[in-house]
Amino acid sequence: MIERRPAVAELLKDRGAALVVAGLGSAVYDVFAAGDHDLNFYDWGAMGSAAMVGLGLALSCPERPVMVFTGDGEMLMGLGAFSTIAQHRPANLSIVILDNEQYAETGMQKTATGFGTDLAAVARACGLKDASVLTRQDEISALRSKLHARAGTLVAVLKIRPGDQPRTVPEREGTLIASRFMRSLRTADHAQA
């Protein structure tokens, strides 16, 4: 099993111009624990939307890697996103699913992945060919290289150790999060021009 916090920190190390979307709950805590960044979009309240927010960013900013970190519970809530993403297949979109087979936010109830649902297989069935399950910590550095390569839409399901993590809580106000993100994106774009 993979340790979630070290894995997320490794994947975000030297992230450069990457845009990061963190899905509801534990994924937000993990991304924030790896280091707050103005180009982190913390998606606090819209369960199931992180992958679609990532798709919108990937389509509007094709020159930047877009990384979505989400949990198995949230991805299960938004399974239809795989079909929509497969219609577009942006080369710069990566979806990292932190699969502990539990709903950590509501009491550690077992999710459908704990009963056999294979999110990578679902993604492949929807047309996303580069979808895999990782189970070992030593697979993370190779994944990190793929996240930055912008070589096609990628789905990586990380089978992480069950259990909750300490809460590291960034800003929760949606308008402030969105404003900071958009302002930073405009500033970074002007600096590149």
N, C-alpha and C. Protein backbone atom coordinates (compact mmCIF):
# COMPACT_ATOMS: atom_id res chain seq x y z
N MET A 1 0.83 -1.19 0.00
CA MET A 1 0.00 0.00 0.00
C MET A 1 0.88 1.26 0.00
N ILE A 2 0.33 2.31 -0.55
CA ILE A 2 1.04 3.58 -0.68
C ILE A 2 0.67 4.50 0.49
N GLU A 3 1.66 5.20 1.01
CA GLU A 3 1.43 6.22 2.04
C GLU A 3 1.03 7.52 1.33
N ARG A 4 -0.16 8.01 1.61
CA ARG A 4 -0.73 9.10 0.82
C ARG A 4 0.05 10.41 0.92
N ARG A 5 0.38 10.88 2.11
CA ARG A 5 1.04 12.18 2.23
C ARG A 5 2.40 12.20 1.54
N PRO A 6 3.28 11.20 1.77
CA PRO A 6 4.56 11.21 1.05
C PRO A 6 4.37 11.10 -0.47
N ALA A 7 3.37 10.35 -0.91
CA ALA A 7 3.12 10.20 -2.35
C ALA A 7 2.68 11.52 -2.97
N VAL A 8 1.74 12.21 -2.35
CA VAL A 8 1.27 13.49 -2.88
C VAL A 8 2.41 14.51 -2.86
N ALA A 9 3.18 14.54 -1.78
CA ALA A 9 4.32 15.47 -1.70
C ALA A 9 5.32 15.19 -2.82
N GLU A 10 5.61 13.94 -3.09
CA GLU A 10 6.54 13.58 -4.17
C GLU A 10 5.99 13.99 -5.53
N LEU A 11 4.71 13.76 -5.76
CA LEU A 11 4.11 14.11 -7.05
C LEU A 11 4.09 15.62 -7.29
N LEU A 12 4.02 16.40 -6.22
CA LEU A 12 3.96 17.86 -6.37
C LEU A 12 5.33 18.54 -6.25
N LYS A 13 6.36 17.78 -5.98
CA LYS A 13 7.70 18.35 -5.87
C LYS A 13 8.13 18.95 -7.20
N ASP A 14 8.69 20.14 -7.17
CA ASP A 14 9.15 20.83 -8.39
C ASP A 14 8.05 20.87 -9.45
N ARG A 15 6.87 21.30 -9.07
CA ARG A 15 5.70 21.25 -9.94
C ARG A 15 5.73 22.26 -11.07
N GLY A 16 6.58 23.26 -10.99
CA GLY A 16 6.66 24.25 -12.05
C GLY A 16 5.35 24.99 -12.23
N ALA A 17 4.88 25.09 -13.47
CA ALA A 17 3.67 25.86 -13.81
C ALA A 17 2.39 25.04 -13.73
N ALA A 18 2.45 23.87 -13.13
CA ALA A 18 1.28 22.99 -13.08
C ALA A 18 0.13 23.62 -12.29
N LEU A 19 -1.07 23.40 -12.81
CA LEU A 19 -2.30 23.78 -12.11
C LEU A 19 -2.77 22.54 -11.36
N VAL A 20 -3.17 22.72 -10.10
CA VAL A 20 -3.56 21.59 -9.26
C VAL A 20 -4.97 21.80 -8.74
N VAL A 21 -5.82 20.81 -8.95
CA VAL A 21 -7.17 20.80 -8.40
C VAL A 21 -7.20 19.73 -7.32
N ALA A 22 -7.62 20.10 -6.13
CA ALA A 22 -7.73 19.15 -5.03
C ALA A 22 -9.19 18.94 -4.71
N GLY A 23 -9.64 17.70 -4.84
CA GLY A 23 -11.04 17.36 -4.59
C GLY A 23 -11.39 17.39 -3.11
N LEU A 24 -12.64 17.41 -2.86
CA LEU A 24 -13.24 17.51 -1.54
C LEU A 24 -12.56 16.62 -0.49
N GLY A 25 -12.34 17.16 0.70
CA GLY A 25 -11.90 16.38 1.85
C GLY A 25 -10.43 16.06 1.89
N SER A 26 -10.10 14.80 2.06
CA SER A 26 -8.73 14.38 2.31
C SER A 26 -7.76 14.79 1.21
N ALA A 27 -8.20 14.82 -0.04
CA ALA A 27 -7.31 15.26 -1.12
C ALA A 27 -6.89 16.72 -0.90
N VAL A 28 -7.80 17.56 -0.42
CA VAL A 28 -7.45 18.94 -0.10
C VAL A 28 -6.39 18.96 1.00
N TYR A 29 -6.61 18.18 2.05
CA TYR A 29 -5.65 18.16 3.16
C TYR A 29 -4.27 17.70 2.69
N ASP A 30 -4.24 16.70 1.82
CA ASP A 30 -2.97 16.16 1.32
C ASP A 30 -2.23 17.17 0.46
N VAL A 31 -2.94 17.82 -0.46
CA VAL A 31 -2.31 18.81 -1.34
C VAL A 31 -1.82 19.99 -0.51
N PHE A 32 -2.62 20.46 0.43
CA PHE A 32 -2.20 21.58 1.28
C PHE A 32 -1.00 21.20 2.14
N ALA A 33 -0.99 19.98 2.66
CA ALA A 33 0.14 19.52 3.48
C ALA A 33 1.43 19.48 2.67
N ALA A 34 1.32 19.26 1.36
CA ALA A 34 2.50 19.23 0.49
C ALA A 34 3.04 20.63 0.23
N GLY A 35 2.26 21.65 0.57
CA GLY A 35 2.68 23.03 0.40
C GLY A 35 1.63 23.84 -0.35
N ASP A 36 1.14 24.87 0.30
CA ASP A 36 0.15 25.73 -0.34
C ASP A 36 0.80 26.43 -1.53
N HIS A 37 -0.01 26.68 -2.53
CA HIS A 37 0.47 27.32 -3.75
C HIS A 37 -0.69 28.12 -4.33
N ASP A 38 -0.37 29.27 -4.91
CA ASP A 38 -1.44 30.10 -5.48
C ASP A 38 -2.16 29.43 -6.64
N LEU A 39 -1.53 28.44 -7.27
CA LEU A 39 -2.17 27.72 -8.39
C LEU A 39 -2.76 26.39 -7.94
N ASN A 40 -3.07 26.29 -6.64
CA ASN A 40 -3.86 25.18 -6.12
C ASN A 40 -5.31 25.64 -6.06
N PHE A 41 -6.20 24.84 -6.61
CA PHE A 41 -7.63 25.13 -6.51
C PHE A 41 -8.24 24.08 -5.59
N TYR A 42 -8.64 24.51 -4.39
CA TYR A 42 -9.21 23.60 -3.39
C TYR A 42 -10.72 23.54 -3.60
N ASP A 43 -11.20 22.43 -4.08
CA ASP A 43 -12.60 22.24 -4.44
C ASP A 43 -13.34 21.68 -3.22
N TRP A 44 -13.70 22.55 -2.31
CA TRP A 44 -14.25 22.12 -1.03
C TRP A 44 -15.62 21.48 -1.07
N GLY A 45 -16.56 22.03 -1.81
CA GLY A 45 -17.92 21.64 -1.56
C GLY A 45 -18.68 20.94 -2.65
N ALA A 46 -18.09 20.69 -3.77
CA ALA A 46 -18.84 20.12 -4.89
C ALA A 46 -18.37 18.69 -5.14
N MET A 47 -18.84 17.77 -4.33
CA MET A 47 -18.38 16.38 -4.43
C MET A 47 -18.65 15.83 -5.82
N GLY A 48 -17.62 15.27 -6.42
CA GLY A 48 -17.74 14.68 -7.75
C GLY A 48 -17.30 15.60 -8.86
N SER A 49 -16.90 16.84 -8.53
CA SER A 49 -16.62 17.81 -9.59
C SER A 49 -15.14 18.00 -9.91
N ALA A 50 -14.23 17.50 -9.11
CA ALA A 50 -12.80 17.81 -9.27
C ALA A 50 -12.29 17.44 -10.66
N ALA A 51 -12.62 16.27 -11.16
CA ALA A 51 -12.13 15.86 -12.48
C ALA A 51 -12.66 16.78 -13.58
N MET A 52 -13.90 17.23 -13.45
CA MET A 52 -14.46 18.12 -14.46
C MET A 52 -13.86 19.53 -14.39
N VAL A 53 -13.56 20.00 -13.19
CA VAL A 53 -12.86 21.27 -13.05
C VAL A 53 -11.50 21.15 -13.73
N GLY A 54 -10.83 20.02 -13.50
CA GLY A 54 -9.54 19.77 -14.14
C GLY A 54 -9.65 19.75 -15.65
N LEU A 55 -10.71 19.14 -16.18
CA LEU A 55 -10.92 19.11 -17.63
C LEU A 55 -11.05 20.53 -18.17
N GLY A 56 -11.85 21.36 -17.53
CA GLY A 56 -12.01 22.74 -17.99
C GLY A 56 -10.70 23.49 -18.00
N LEU A 57 -9.90 23.32 -16.96
CA LEU A 57 -8.59 23.98 -16.91
C LEU A 57 -7.66 23.45 -17.99
N ALA A 58 -7.67 22.13 -18.19
CA ALA A 58 -6.78 21.53 -19.20
C ALA A 58 -7.12 22.02 -20.60
N LEU A 59 -8.40 22.16 -20.88
CA LEU A 59 -8.81 22.64 -22.21
C LEU A 59 -8.49 24.12 -22.40
N SER A 60 -8.60 24.91 -21.33
CA SER A 60 -8.36 26.35 -21.47
C SER A 60 -6.89 26.73 -21.32
N CYS A 61 -6.08 25.84 -20.76
CA CYS A 61 -4.64 26.12 -20.56
C CYS A 61 -3.81 24.94 -21.08
N PRO A 62 -3.85 24.66 -22.38
CA PRO A 62 -3.19 23.45 -22.90
C PRO A 62 -1.67 23.43 -22.75
N GLU A 63 -1.06 24.59 -22.49
CA GLU A 63 0.39 24.66 -22.35
C GLU A 63 0.85 24.27 -20.95
N ARG A 64 -0.08 24.07 -20.02
CA ARG A 64 0.27 23.76 -18.63
C ARG A 64 -0.20 22.35 -18.24
N PRO A 65 0.61 21.64 -17.45
CA PRO A 65 0.10 20.40 -16.88
C PRO A 65 -1.01 20.72 -15.88
N VAL A 66 -2.06 19.93 -15.90
CA VAL A 66 -3.16 20.07 -14.94
C VAL A 66 -3.25 18.74 -14.19
N MET A 67 -3.12 18.82 -12.87
CA MET A 67 -3.17 17.63 -12.02
C MET A 67 -4.38 17.71 -11.11
N VAL A 68 -5.17 16.68 -11.13
CA VAL A 68 -6.33 16.58 -10.23
C VAL A 68 -6.00 15.51 -9.20
N PHE A 69 -6.14 15.87 -7.93
CA PHE A 69 -6.01 14.90 -6.84
C PHE A 69 -7.40 14.77 -6.22
N THR A 70 -7.91 13.56 -6.22
CA THR A 70 -9.25 13.33 -5.69
C THR A 70 -9.28 11.97 -5.00
N GLY A 71 -10.33 11.73 -4.24
CA GLY A 71 -10.48 10.46 -3.55
C GLY A 71 -11.39 9.51 -4.31
N ASP A 72 -11.38 8.27 -3.87
CA ASP A 72 -12.23 7.26 -4.50
C ASP A 72 -13.71 7.60 -4.31
N GLY A 73 -14.09 8.10 -3.14
CA GLY A 73 -15.49 8.44 -2.92
C GLY A 73 -15.96 9.54 -3.86
N GLU A 74 -15.14 10.57 -4.02
CA GLU A 74 -15.53 11.65 -4.93
C GLU A 74 -15.56 11.18 -6.37
N MET A 75 -14.58 10.36 -6.78
CA MET A 75 -14.57 9.89 -8.17
C MET A 75 -15.77 8.99 -8.44
N LEU A 76 -16.15 8.19 -7.46
CA LEU A 76 -17.35 7.36 -7.62
C LEU A 76 -18.59 8.22 -7.81
N MET A 77 -18.63 9.37 -7.14
CA MET A 77 -19.76 10.28 -7.26
C MET A 77 -19.84 10.88 -8.67
N GLY A 78 -18.68 11.01 -9.34
CA GLY A 78 -18.65 11.64 -10.65
C GLY A 78 -18.14 10.73 -11.74
N LEU A 79 -18.54 9.46 -11.75
CA LEU A 79 -18.03 8.52 -12.75
C LEU A 79 -18.28 8.96 -14.19
N GLY A 80 -19.36 9.68 -14.42
CA GLY A 80 -19.64 10.15 -15.77
C GLY A 80 -18.57 11.08 -16.31
N ALA A 81 -17.77 11.65 -15.42
CA ALA A 81 -16.68 12.53 -15.87
C ALA A 81 -15.72 11.78 -16.78
N PHE A 82 -15.49 10.50 -16.52
CA PHE A 82 -14.57 9.73 -17.37
C PHE A 82 -15.03 9.75 -18.83
N SER A 83 -16.32 9.61 -19.07
CA SER A 83 -16.84 9.62 -20.44
C SER A 83 -16.64 10.97 -21.11
N THR A 84 -16.93 12.03 -20.38
CA THR A 84 -16.77 13.38 -20.93
C THR A 84 -15.30 13.68 -21.20
N ILE A 85 -14.44 13.33 -20.26
CA ILE A 85 -13.00 13.56 -20.44
C ILE A 85 -12.49 12.77 -21.63
N ALA A 86 -12.98 11.56 -21.83
CA ALA A 86 -12.54 10.73 -22.96
C ALA A 86 -12.95 11.32 -24.30
N GLN A 87 -14.00 12.12 -24.34
CA GLN A 87 -14.39 12.78 -25.59
C GLN A 87 -13.35 13.82 -26.01
N HIS A 88 -12.67 14.40 -25.03
CA HIS A 88 -11.72 15.49 -25.30
C HIS A 88 -10.26 15.03 -25.22
N ARG A 89 -9.95 14.14 -24.30
CA ARG A 89 -8.60 13.62 -24.08
C ARG A 89 -7.50 14.68 -24.12
N PRO A 90 -7.56 15.69 -23.29
CA PRO A 90 -6.50 16.70 -23.30
C PRO A 90 -5.16 16.07 -22.91
N ALA A 91 -4.13 16.43 -23.63
CA ALA A 91 -2.80 15.85 -23.41
C ALA A 91 -2.19 16.27 -22.09
N ASN A 92 -2.72 17.31 -21.48
CA ASN A 92 -2.11 17.88 -20.27
C ASN A 92 -2.86 17.56 -18.99
N LEU A 93 -3.82 16.64 -19.02
CA LEU A 93 -4.65 16.35 -17.84
C LEU A 93 -4.26 15.02 -17.20
N SER A 94 -4.00 15.07 -15.90
CA SER A 94 -3.74 13.87 -15.10
C SER A 94 -4.69 13.85 -13.92
N ILE A 95 -5.30 12.70 -13.68
CA ILE A 95 -6.21 12.53 -12.55
C ILE A 95 -5.60 11.47 -11.64
N VAL A 96 -5.26 11.88 -10.43
CA VAL A 96 -4.69 10.98 -9.43
C VAL A 96 -5.77 10.71 -8.40
N ILE A 97 -6.17 9.46 -8.32
CA ILE A 97 -7.24 9.06 -7.39
C ILE A 97 -6.60 8.38 -6.19
N LEU A 98 -6.79 8.96 -5.02
CA LEU A 98 -6.26 8.43 -3.77
C LEU A 98 -7.31 7.47 -3.20
N ASP A 99 -7.12 6.19 -3.44
CA ASP A 99 -8.14 5.18 -3.16
C ASP A 99 -7.80 4.40 -1.88
N ASN A 100 -8.43 4.82 -0.78
CA ASN A 100 -8.28 4.09 0.47
C ASN A 100 -9.49 3.19 0.76
N GLU A 101 -10.41 3.14 -0.21
CA GLU A 101 -11.62 2.31 -0.11
C GLU A 101 -12.51 2.74 1.05
N GLN A 102 -12.43 4.03 1.42
CA GLN A 102 -13.21 4.54 2.55
C GLN A 102 -13.69 5.96 2.29
N TYR A 103 -14.82 6.29 2.91
CA TYR A 103 -15.29 7.67 2.97
C TYR A 103 -14.74 8.27 4.27
N ALA A 104 -13.56 8.86 4.20
CA ALA A 104 -12.90 9.36 5.41
C ALA A 104 -13.67 10.49 6.07
N GLU A 105 -14.33 11.32 5.27
CA GLU A 105 -15.01 12.49 5.82
C GLU A 105 -16.23 12.15 6.65
N THR A 106 -16.81 10.98 6.45
CA THR A 106 -18.08 10.69 7.12
C THR A 106 -18.03 9.47 8.03
N GLY A 107 -16.83 8.99 8.35
CA GLY A 107 -16.77 7.91 9.33
C GLY A 107 -16.11 6.63 8.87
N MET A 108 -15.40 6.64 7.77
CA MET A 108 -14.64 5.48 7.28
C MET A 108 -15.51 4.33 6.78
N GLN A 109 -16.70 4.67 6.27
CA GLN A 109 -17.51 3.63 5.65
C GLN A 109 -16.81 3.15 4.38
N LYS A 110 -16.99 1.90 4.05
CA LYS A 110 -16.37 1.32 2.85
C LYS A 110 -17.02 1.88 1.59
N THR A 111 -16.18 2.25 0.60
CA THR A 111 -16.71 2.70 -0.69
C THR A 111 -16.87 1.50 -1.62
N ALA A 112 -17.39 1.73 -2.79
CA ALA A 112 -17.58 0.65 -3.77
C ALA A 112 -16.24 0.05 -4.20
N THR A 113 -15.14 0.82 -4.12
CA THR A 113 -13.85 0.23 -4.49
C THR A 113 -13.45 -0.85 -3.48
N GLY A 114 -13.92 -0.74 -2.26
CA GLY A 114 -13.68 -1.77 -1.26
C GLY A 114 -14.48 -3.04 -1.52
N PHE A 115 -15.48 -2.94 -2.39
CA PHE A 115 -16.29 -4.10 -2.76
C PHE A 115 -15.97 -4.58 -4.18
N GLY A 116 -14.90 -4.03 -4.79
CA GLY A 116 -14.46 -4.55 -6.07
C GLY A 116 -14.52 -3.63 -7.26
N THR A 117 -15.10 -2.42 -7.14
CA THR A 117 -15.12 -1.51 -8.28
C THR A 117 -13.68 -1.08 -8.59
N ASP A 118 -13.29 -1.20 -9.84
CA ASP A 118 -11.94 -0.86 -10.29
C ASP A 118 -12.03 0.43 -11.10
N LEU A 119 -11.63 1.54 -10.50
CA LEU A 119 -11.77 2.84 -11.15
C LEU A 119 -10.92 2.96 -12.41
N ALA A 120 -9.76 2.34 -12.43
CA ALA A 120 -8.93 2.37 -13.65
C ALA A 120 -9.62 1.61 -14.78
N ALA A 121 -10.24 0.49 -14.47
CA ALA A 121 -10.96 -0.28 -15.49
C ALA A 121 -12.16 0.53 -16.01
N VAL A 122 -12.85 1.25 -15.13
CA VAL A 122 -13.96 2.09 -15.55
C VAL A 122 -13.45 3.18 -16.50
N ALA A 123 -12.34 3.82 -16.14
CA ALA A 123 -11.77 4.87 -16.99
C ALA A 123 -11.39 4.30 -18.36
N ARG A 124 -10.78 3.13 -18.39
CA ARG A 124 -10.42 2.50 -19.68
C ARG A 124 -11.66 2.16 -20.48
N ALA A 125 -12.70 1.67 -19.82
CA ALA A 125 -13.94 1.34 -20.52
C ALA A 125 -14.59 2.57 -21.13
N CYS A 126 -14.33 3.73 -20.55
CA CYS A 126 -14.87 4.99 -21.08
C CYS A 126 -14.00 5.55 -22.20
N GLY A 127 -12.83 4.96 -22.44
CA GLY A 127 -11.97 5.40 -23.53
C GLY A 127 -10.67 6.05 -23.11
N LEU A 128 -10.37 6.06 -21.83
CA LEU A 128 -9.11 6.63 -21.35
C LEU A 128 -8.09 5.49 -21.21
N LYS A 129 -7.27 5.34 -22.21
CA LYS A 129 -6.38 4.17 -22.31
C LYS A 129 -5.30 4.14 -21.25
N ASP A 130 -4.75 5.31 -20.86
CA ASP A 130 -3.67 5.34 -19.88
C ASP A 130 -4.25 5.46 -18.48
N ALA A 131 -4.80 4.36 -18.00
CA ALA A 131 -5.40 4.30 -16.66
C ALA A 131 -4.85 3.07 -15.96
N SER A 132 -4.24 3.29 -14.82
CA SER A 132 -3.59 2.17 -14.13
C SER A 132 -3.78 2.27 -12.62
N VAL A 133 -3.51 1.16 -11.96
CA VAL A 133 -3.57 1.08 -10.50
C VAL A 133 -2.14 0.92 -10.00
N LEU A 134 -1.75 1.76 -9.04
CA LEU A 134 -0.43 1.68 -8.43
C LEU A 134 -0.61 1.24 -6.98
N THR A 135 0.26 0.34 -6.54
CA THR A 135 0.12 -0.20 -5.19
C THR A 135 1.39 -0.06 -4.36
N ARG A 136 2.49 0.40 -4.98
CA ARG A 136 3.78 0.46 -4.29
C ARG A 136 4.34 1.88 -4.29
N GLN A 137 4.94 2.25 -3.18
CA GLN A 137 5.53 3.58 -3.04
C GLN A 137 6.61 3.83 -4.10
N ASP A 138 7.33 2.79 -4.50
CA ASP A 138 8.41 2.98 -5.46
C ASP A 138 7.91 3.26 -6.88
N GLU A 139 6.61 3.22 -7.11
CA GLU A 139 6.05 3.56 -8.41
C GLU A 139 5.77 5.06 -8.57
N ILE A 140 5.89 5.80 -7.47
CA ILE A 140 5.49 7.22 -7.46
C ILE A 140 6.41 8.09 -8.31
N SER A 141 7.73 7.87 -8.26
CA SER A 141 8.63 8.74 -9.02
C SER A 141 8.41 8.61 -10.52
N ALA A 142 8.12 7.41 -11.02
CA ALA A 142 7.83 7.23 -12.44
C ALA A 142 6.51 7.94 -12.80
N LEU A 143 5.53 7.87 -11.91
CA LEU A 143 4.27 8.58 -12.14
C LEU A 143 4.51 10.09 -12.19
N ARG A 144 5.35 10.59 -11.31
CA ARG A 144 5.65 12.03 -11.28
C ARG A 144 6.14 12.51 -12.64
N SER A 145 7.02 11.76 -13.28
CA SER A 145 7.52 12.13 -14.60
C SER A 145 6.38 12.18 -15.62
N LYS A 146 5.46 11.23 -15.53
CA LYS A 146 4.34 11.20 -16.47
C LYS A 146 3.39 12.38 -16.27
N LEU A 147 3.22 12.82 -15.03
CA LEU A 147 2.31 13.94 -14.75
C LEU A 147 2.78 15.23 -15.42
N HIS A 148 4.07 15.39 -15.56
CA HIS A 148 4.63 16.62 -16.14
C HIS A 148 4.83 16.53 -17.65
N ALA A 149 4.70 15.34 -18.21
CA ALA A 149 5.05 15.13 -19.62
C ALA A 149 4.03 15.69 -20.60
N ARG A 150 2.79 15.86 -20.18
CA ARG A 150 1.71 16.32 -21.08
C ARG A 150 1.67 15.44 -22.34
N ALA A 151 1.66 14.14 -22.13
CA ALA A 151 1.70 13.19 -23.24
C ALA A 151 0.38 12.45 -23.43
N GLY A 152 -0.69 12.99 -22.87
CA GLY A 152 -1.99 12.35 -23.01
C GLY A 152 -2.70 12.30 -21.67
N THR A 153 -4.01 12.19 -21.71
CA THR A 153 -4.78 12.11 -20.48
C THR A 153 -4.37 10.86 -19.71
N LEU A 154 -4.16 11.05 -18.42
CA LEU A 154 -3.67 9.99 -17.55
C LEU A 154 -4.59 9.85 -16.35
N VAL A 155 -4.90 8.61 -16.00
CA VAL A 155 -5.62 8.31 -14.75
C VAL A 155 -4.77 7.34 -13.97
N ALA A 156 -4.43 7.71 -12.74
CA ALA A 156 -3.64 6.85 -11.85
C ALA A 156 -4.41 6.66 -10.56
N VAL A 157 -4.74 5.41 -10.27
CA VAL A 157 -5.42 5.07 -9.02
C VAL A 157 -4.35 4.58 -8.05
N LEU A 158 -4.12 5.35 -6.99
CA LEU A 158 -3.14 4.98 -5.99
C LEU A 158 -3.86 4.26 -4.87
N LYS A 159 -3.54 3.01 -4.66
CA LYS A 159 -4.13 2.24 -3.57
C LYS A 159 -3.37 2.62 -2.30
N ILE A 160 -4.02 3.44 -1.49
CA ILE A 160 -3.35 3.99 -0.32
C ILE A 160 -3.80 3.28 0.95
N ARG A 161 -2.94 3.39 1.94
CA ARG A 161 -3.21 2.76 3.23
C ARG A 161 -4.50 3.34 3.81
N PRO A 162 -5.44 2.49 4.24
CA PRO A 162 -6.69 2.99 4.84
C PRO A 162 -6.41 3.80 6.10
N GLY A 163 -7.36 4.62 6.46
CA GLY A 163 -7.24 5.41 7.67
C GLY A 163 -7.26 6.89 7.36
N ASP A 164 -7.47 7.65 8.38
CA ASP A 164 -7.57 9.10 8.24
C ASP A 164 -6.21 9.73 8.47
N GLN A 165 -6.05 10.95 8.02
CA GLN A 165 -4.83 11.74 8.19
C GLN A 165 -5.16 12.97 9.01
N PRO A 166 -4.16 13.57 9.63
CA PRO A 166 -4.42 14.83 10.34
C PRO A 166 -4.93 15.88 9.35
N ARG A 167 -5.83 16.69 9.80
CA ARG A 167 -6.39 17.74 8.95
C ARG A 167 -5.39 18.89 8.83
N THR A 168 -5.04 19.23 7.63
CA THR A 168 -4.28 20.44 7.33
C THR A 168 -5.22 21.25 6.45
N VAL A 169 -5.71 22.34 6.97
CA VAL A 169 -6.85 23.00 6.35
C VAL A 169 -6.47 24.35 5.75
N PRO A 170 -6.56 24.46 4.42
CA PRO A 170 -6.34 25.75 3.78
C PRO A 170 -7.60 26.62 3.84
N GLU A 171 -7.54 27.72 3.17
CA GLU A 171 -8.69 28.61 3.04
C GLU A 171 -9.93 27.80 2.63
N ARG A 172 -11.07 28.14 3.22
CA ARG A 172 -12.31 27.42 2.88
C ARG A 172 -13.30 28.26 2.10
N GLU A 173 -13.09 29.55 2.03
CA GLU A 173 -14.04 30.44 1.36
C GLU A 173 -13.87 30.33 -0.15
N GLY A 174 -14.89 29.82 -0.82
CA GLY A 174 -14.83 29.54 -2.25
C GLY A 174 -14.47 30.73 -3.12
N THR A 175 -15.04 31.89 -2.81
CA THR A 175 -14.74 33.06 -3.64
C THR A 175 -13.29 33.49 -3.49
N LEU A 176 -12.73 33.36 -2.28
CA LEU A 176 -11.32 33.71 -2.08
C LEU A 176 -10.40 32.72 -2.79
N ILE A 177 -10.73 31.45 -2.72
CA ILE A 177 -9.93 30.42 -3.40
C ILE A 177 -9.94 30.68 -4.91
N ALA A 178 -11.12 30.89 -5.47
CA ALA A 178 -11.23 31.11 -6.91
C ALA A 178 -10.53 32.40 -7.33
N SER A 179 -10.68 33.46 -6.55
CA SER A 179 -10.05 34.74 -6.89
C SER A 179 -8.54 34.62 -6.87
N ARG A 180 -8.00 34.01 -5.83
CA ARG A 180 -6.56 33.83 -5.74
C ARG A 180 -6.04 33.02 -6.92
N PHE A 181 -6.73 31.95 -7.24
CA PHE A 181 -6.32 31.07 -8.34
C PHE A 181 -6.33 31.83 -9.67
N MET A 182 -7.43 32.51 -9.96
CA MET A 182 -7.55 33.23 -11.24
C MET A 182 -6.54 34.37 -11.34
N ARG A 183 -6.34 35.11 -10.25
CA ARG A 183 -5.36 36.20 -10.24
C ARG A 183 -3.95 35.64 -10.50
N SER A 184 -3.62 34.53 -9.85
CA SER A 184 -2.29 33.93 -10.02
C SER A 184 -2.10 33.37 -11.42
N LEU A 185 -3.14 32.83 -11.98
CA LEU A 185 -3.07 32.30 -13.34
C LEU A 185 -2.84 33.45 -14.33
N ARG A 186 -3.56 34.54 -14.17
CA ARG A 186 -3.36 35.70 -15.05
C ARG A 186 -1.94 36.26 -14.91
N THR A 187 -1.45 36.37 -13.67
CA THR A 187 -0.11 36.90 -13.41
C THR A 187 0.94 36.00 -14.05
N ALA A 188 0.80 34.69 -13.88
CA ALA A 188 1.76 33.74 -14.46
C ALA A 188 1.72 33.79 -15.98
N ASP A 189 0.52 33.93 -16.55
CA ASP A 189 0.40 34.02 -18.01
C ASP A 189 1.07 35.28 -18.54
N HIS A 190 0.90 36.40 -17.83
CA HIS A 190 1.53 37.66 -18.28
C HIS A 190 3.05 37.57 -18.17
N ALA A 191 3.53 36.88 -17.15
CA ALA A 191 4.98 36.74 -16.97
C ALA A 191 5.60 35.91 -18.10
N GLN A 192 4.82 34.93 -18.63
CA GLN A 192 5.31 34.09 -19.72
C GLN A 192 5.28 34.81 -21.06
N ALA A 193 4.37 35.79 -21.19
CA ALA A 193 4.19 36.47 -22.48
C ALA A 193 5.33 37.41 -22.83
